Amino acid sequence: MPMTTQLRTYTVRDGMLDEWVDRWRQEIVPLRLKLGFTIGGAWVERERNQFVWLISYDGPETFQERNALYWSSPERKAMNLNPDDYLLHTDDRTIEQVY
């Protein structure tokens, strides 16, 4: 399968941006990497309470199949992390690199 990259923009609840970033770094990133995803970077836009990151997968499965494995994994369930507790809105866009 060709590499798939998503640009993800999350609008975070007021006062929770730093906590979200900490949990993302400590819990989400290690599991994503373990499952073969790559993280192209992550940024915050404090004025809008937004968290933006790039996630890619280049493996034998589709991005969607691998993402489903992430969400159904025992490690993900053990996080006890409900995105709705932190995120007001998510915008996930599949993008294609041209340069």
Protein backbone atom coordinates (compact mmCIF):
# COMPACT_ATOMS: atom_id res chain seq x y z
CA MET A 1 0.00 0.00 0.00
CA PRO A 2 1.24 3.53 -0.64
CA MET A 3 1.99 5.73 2.34
CA THR A 4 -1.01 7.59 3.71
CA THR A 5 -0.63 10.81 5.70
CA GLN A 6 -3.28 12.62 7.66
CA LEU A 7 -3.19 16.21 8.83
CA ARG A 8 -5.19 16.27 12.06
CA THR A 9 -6.42 19.47 13.67
CA TYR A 10 -8.09 19.25 17.06
CA THR A 11 -9.85 22.07 18.86
CA VAL A 12 -9.25 21.45 22.56
CA ARG A 13 -11.49 22.46 25.46
CA ASP A 14 -10.48 25.67 27.26
CA GLY A 15 -7.74 25.12 29.82
CA MET A 16 -6.98 21.56 28.68
CA LEU A 17 -4.46 22.08 25.87
CA ASP A 18 -1.32 21.37 27.90
CA GLU A 19 -2.87 18.32 29.56
CA TRP A 20 -3.94 17.02 26.15
CA VAL A 21 -0.41 17.50 24.76
CA ASP A 22 1.11 15.68 27.76
CA ARG A 23 -1.21 12.70 27.40
CA TRP A 24 -0.71 12.63 23.63
CA ARG A 25 3.09 12.58 24.07
CA GLN A 26 3.14 10.03 26.89
CA GLU A 27 0.38 7.65 25.85
CA ILE A 28 -0.74 8.06 22.25
CA VAL A 29 2.60 8.57 20.50
CA PRO A 30 4.34 5.46 21.91
CA LEU A 31 1.47 3.19 20.90
CA ARG A 32 1.15 4.76 17.45
CA LEU A 33 4.89 4.23 16.88
CA LYS A 34 4.70 0.65 18.18
CA LEU A 35 1.96 -0.06 15.63
CA GLY A 36 4.04 1.25 12.72
CA PHE A 37 2.76 4.80 12.37
CA THR A 38 5.13 7.73 12.00
CA ILE A 39 4.56 11.16 13.45
CA GLY A 40 5.63 14.00 11.16
CA GLY A 41 5.37 16.66 13.84
CA ALA A 42 2.92 18.30 16.20
CA TRP A 43 2.14 21.92 16.93
CA VAL A 44 -0.17 23.99 19.12
CA GLU A 45 -1.95 27.19 18.19
CA ARG A 46 -2.75 28.61 21.61
CA GLU A 47 -4.92 31.49 20.38
CA ARG A 48 -7.40 28.99 18.94
CA ASN A 49 -6.83 26.19 21.48
CA GLN A 50 -5.79 23.95 18.61
CA PHE A 51 -3.47 20.98 18.39
CA VAL A 52 -2.23 20.04 14.91
CA TRP A 53 -0.25 16.95 13.96
CA LEU A 54 0.81 14.78 11.04
CA ILE A 55 0.46 11.02 11.21
CA SER A 56 1.47 8.56 8.48
CA TYR A 57 1.34 4.85 7.84
CA ASP A 58 3.29 2.99 5.18
CA GLY A 59 2.76 -0.73 5.59
CA PRO A 60 0.98 -3.79 4.25
CA GLU A 61 -2.44 -2.67 5.51
CA THR A 62 -4.42 0.43 4.70
CA PHE A 63 -4.28 3.40 7.04
CA GLN A 64 -7.87 2.69 8.02
CA GLU A 65 -7.14 -0.95 8.86
CA ARG A 66 -4.11 -0.03 10.96
CA ASN A 67 -6.03 2.77 12.66
CA ALA A 68 -8.79 0.30 13.58
CA LEU A 69 -6.11 -1.95 15.11
CA TYR A 70 -4.89 1.00 17.20
CA TRP A 71 -8.37 1.75 18.54
CA SER A 72 -9.16 -1.91 19.31
CA SER A 73 -5.82 -2.68 20.96
CA PRO A 74 -5.71 -3.55 24.67
CA GLU A 75 -3.08 -0.84 25.15
CA ARG A 76 -5.42 1.83 23.78
CA LYS A 77 -8.28 0.63 25.93
CA ALA A 78 -6.02 0.64 29.01
CA MET A 79 -5.28 4.35 28.52
CA ASN A 80 -8.71 5.23 29.85
CA LEU A 81 -8.54 8.25 27.56
CA ASN A 82 -11.76 9.46 25.97
CA PRO A 83 -10.94 12.10 23.33
CA ASP A 84 -14.34 13.72 23.93
CA ASP A 85 -13.15 14.71 27.41
CA TYR A 86 -10.55 16.95 25.76
CA LEU A 87 -11.59 17.68 22.19
CA LEU A 88 -14.43 19.87 21.00
CA HIS A 89 -13.82 19.28 17.29
CA THR A 90 -11.55 17.18 15.10
CA ASP A 91 -10.67 17.68 11.46
CA ASP A 92 -8.77 14.77 9.88
CA ARG A 93 -7.61 15.29 6.31
CA THR A 94 -5.82 12.75 4.16
CA ILE A 95 -3.15 14.67 2.31
CA GLU A 96 -0.74 13.85 -0.51
CA GLN A 97 2.86 15.03 -0.56
CA VAL A 98 3.85 16.85 -3.74
CA TYR A 99 7.29 18.06 -2.72
